[in-house]
Amino acid sequence: MCLGIPGEVIQISLDGVLMGTVDFGGVRKDVCLAYVPDVALGDYVIVHVGFAITIVHREEAQRTLDVLRAMGDAVEAELGQPLPPRTAAP
């Protein structure tokens, strides 16, 4: 199964291609941001197979992460580790 998982962009770099570090509720991965060139730090993106494919609202991302936490095995297969429990909202 391939999932589109929301995460927060916490670092952006340009090394030939737009890349960034995305935080998926505690799990951090390097992601290609080339398909979302207007992305900014703090934006939430949907990531599919290592590529950010769209920018989403923070609230929608949090709701989706909550659902994905309930699907533990599918998310672990996609990210290589389970999502940590949700922390209190900022």
C-alpha atoms as a PDB file:
ATOM      1  CA  MET A   1       0.000   0.000   0.000  1.00  0.00           C
ATOM      2  CA  CYS A   2       1.257   3.500  -0.795  1.00  0.00           C
ATOM      3  CA  LEU A   3      -0.008   6.338   1.345  1.00  0.00           C
ATOM      4  CA  GLY A   4       0.131  10.091   0.975  1.00  0.00           C
ATOM      5  CA  ILE A   5       1.198  11.189   4.450  1.00  0.00           C
ATOM      6  CA  PRO A   6       1.027  14.792   5.715  1.00  0.00           C
ATOM      7  CA  GLY A   7       4.000  16.377   7.408  1.00  0.00           C
ATOM      8  CA  GLU A   8       5.419  19.757   8.348  1.00  0.00           C
ATOM      9  CA  VAL A   9       8.301  21.234   6.362  1.00  0.00           C
ATOM     10  CA  ILE A  10      10.988  22.066   8.923  1.00  0.00           C
ATOM     11  CA  GLN A  11      13.966  22.642   6.624  1.00  0.00           C
ATOM     12  CA  ILE A  12      14.366  23.640   2.975  1.00  0.00           C
ATOM     13  CA  SER A  13      17.484  23.433   0.820  1.00  0.00           C
ATOM     14  CA  LEU A  14      18.345  23.881  -2.836  1.00  0.00           C
ATOM     15  CA  ASP A  15      21.100  21.613  -4.037  1.00  0.00           C
ATOM     16  CA  GLY A  16      20.231  21.328  -7.709  1.00  0.00           C
ATOM     17  CA  VAL A  17      16.680  20.361  -6.739  1.00  0.00           C
ATOM     18  CA  LEU A  18      14.363  21.746  -4.050  1.00  0.00           C
ATOM     19  CA  MET A  19      14.592  19.413  -1.047  1.00  0.00           C
ATOM     20  CA  GLY A  20      13.496  19.567   2.553  1.00  0.00           C
ATOM     21  CA  THR A  21      13.148  17.795   5.844  1.00  0.00           C
ATOM     22  CA  VAL A  22       9.554  16.957   6.724  1.00  0.00           C
ATOM     23  CA  ASP A  23       8.334  16.059  10.202  1.00  0.00           C
ATOM     24  CA  PHE A  24       5.538  13.485  10.251  1.00  0.00           C
ATOM     25  CA  GLY A  25       4.469  14.003  13.850  1.00  0.00           C
ATOM     26  CA  GLY A  26       7.883  13.008  15.204  1.00  0.00           C
ATOM     27  CA  VAL A  27       9.310  10.984  12.322  1.00  0.00           C
ATOM     28  CA  ARG A  28      11.593  13.092  10.097  1.00  0.00           C
ATOM     29  CA  LYS A  29      12.444  12.294   6.488  1.00  0.00           C
ATOM     30  CA  ASP A  30      14.206  14.038   3.608  1.00  0.00           C
ATOM     31  CA  VAL A  31      11.699  14.803   0.857  1.00  0.00           C
ATOM     32  CA  CYS A  32      11.816  16.232  -2.661  1.00  0.00           C
ATOM     33  CA  LEU A  33       9.862  19.529  -2.749  1.00  0.00           C
ATOM     34  CA  ALA A  34      10.181  20.153  -6.508  1.00  0.00           C
ATOM     35  CA  TYR A  35       6.425  19.651  -7.099  1.00  0.00           C
ATOM     36  CA  VAL A  36       5.540  22.325  -4.508  1.00  0.00           C
ATOM     37  CA  PRO A  37       7.919  25.185  -5.438  1.00  0.00           C
ATOM     38  CA  ASP A  38       5.966  27.761  -3.379  1.00  0.00           C
ATOM     39  CA  VAL A  39       6.383  25.777  -0.142  1.00  0.00           C
ATOM     40  CA  ALA A  40       7.599  27.645   2.943  1.00  0.00           C
ATOM     41  CA  LEU A  41       8.937  26.589   6.330  1.00  0.00           C
ATOM     42  CA  GLY A  42       6.049  25.528   8.544  1.00  0.00           C
ATOM     43  CA  ASP A  43       3.804  24.521   5.633  1.00  0.00           C
ATOM     44  CA  TYR A  44       2.230  21.084   5.704  1.00  0.00           C
ATOM     45  CA  VAL A  45       2.584  18.901   2.630  1.00  0.00           C
ATOM     46  CA  ILE A  46       1.283  15.531   1.516  1.00  0.00           C
ATOM     47  CA  VAL A  47       4.227  13.224   0.788  1.00  0.00           C
ATOM     48  CA  HIS A  48       3.970  10.213  -1.493  1.00  0.00           C
ATOM     49  CA  VAL A  49       7.008   7.984  -2.143  1.00  0.00           C
ATOM     50  CA  GLY A  50       9.442  10.702  -1.094  1.00  0.00           C
ATOM     51  CA  PHE A  51       7.876  13.567  -3.046  1.00  0.00           C
ATOM     52  CA  ALA A  52       5.727  16.361  -1.619  1.00  0.00           C
ATOM     53  CA  ILE A  53       2.753  16.512  -3.984  1.00  0.00           C
ATOM     54  CA  THR A  54       0.580  19.264  -2.485  1.00  0.00           C
ATOM     55  CA  ILE A  55       0.372  21.780   0.361  1.00  0.00           C
ATOM     56  CA  VAL A  56      -2.446  21.250   2.898  1.00  0.00           C
ATOM     57  CA  HIS A  57      -3.871  23.148   5.853  1.00  0.00           C
ATOM     58  CA  ARG A  58      -2.411  22.353   9.275  1.00  0.00           C
ATOM     59  CA  GLU A  59      -5.785  21.248  10.686  1.00  0.00           C
ATOM     60  CA  GLU A  60      -6.381  18.807   7.835  1.00  0.00           C
ATOM     61  CA  ALA A  61      -2.863  17.427   8.240  1.00  0.00           C
ATOM     62  CA  GLN A  62      -3.415  16.840  11.976  1.00  0.00           C
ATOM     63  CA  ARG A  63      -6.756  15.084  11.379  1.00  0.00           C
ATOM     64  CA  THR A  64      -5.147  12.854   8.764  1.00  0.00           C
ATOM     65  CA  LEU A  65      -2.190  12.036  11.041  1.00  0.00           C
ATOM     66  CA  ASP A  66      -4.648  11.045  13.788  1.00  0.00           C
ATOM     67  CA  VAL A  67      -6.368   8.610  11.399  1.00  0.00           C
ATOM     68  CA  LEU A  68      -3.014   7.252  10.219  1.00  0.00           C
ATOM     69  CA  ARG A  69      -1.902   6.622  13.815  1.00  0.00           C
ATOM     70  CA  ALA A  70      -4.864   4.270  14.093  1.00  0.00           C
ATOM     71  CA  MET A  71      -3.573   2.430  10.991  1.00  0.00           C
ATOM     72  CA  GLY A  72      -0.180   1.765  12.601  1.00  0.00           C
ATOM     73  CA  ASP A  73       1.068  -1.082  10.387  1.00  0.00           C
ATOM     74  CA  ALA A  74       0.372   0.699   7.082  1.00  0.00           C
ATOM     75  CA  VAL A  75       2.167   3.836   8.213  1.00  0.00           C
ATOM     76  CA  GLU A  76       5.100   1.890   9.610  1.00  0.00           C
ATOM     77  CA  ALA A  77       5.505   0.147   6.253  1.00  0.00           C
ATOM     78  CA  GLU A  78       5.555   3.532   4.507  1.00  0.00           C
ATOM     79  CA  LEU A  79       7.815   5.477   6.922  1.00  0.00           C
ATOM     80  CA  GLY A  80       9.908   2.621   8.267  1.00  0.00           C
ATOM     81  CA  GLN A  81       8.706   3.263  11.828  1.00  0.00           C
ATOM     82  CA  PRO A  82       5.367   3.973  13.535  1.00  0.00           C
ATOM     83  CA  LEU A  83       4.116   7.494  14.138  1.00  0.00           C
ATOM     84  CA  PRO A  84       4.637   8.551  17.758  1.00  0.00           C
ATOM     85  CA  PRO A  85       1.542   9.427  19.811  1.00  0.00           C
ATOM     86  CA  ARG A  86       0.163  12.904  19.186  1.00  0.00           C
ATOM     87  CA  THR A  87       1.455  15.587  21.519  1.00  0.00           C
ATOM     88  CA  ALA A  88      -0.685  18.418  22.823  1.00  0.00           C
ATOM     89  CA  ALA A  89      -1.613  21.004  20.183  1.00  0.00           C
ATOM     90  CA  PRO A  90       0.513  24.184  20.215  1.00  0.00           C
END
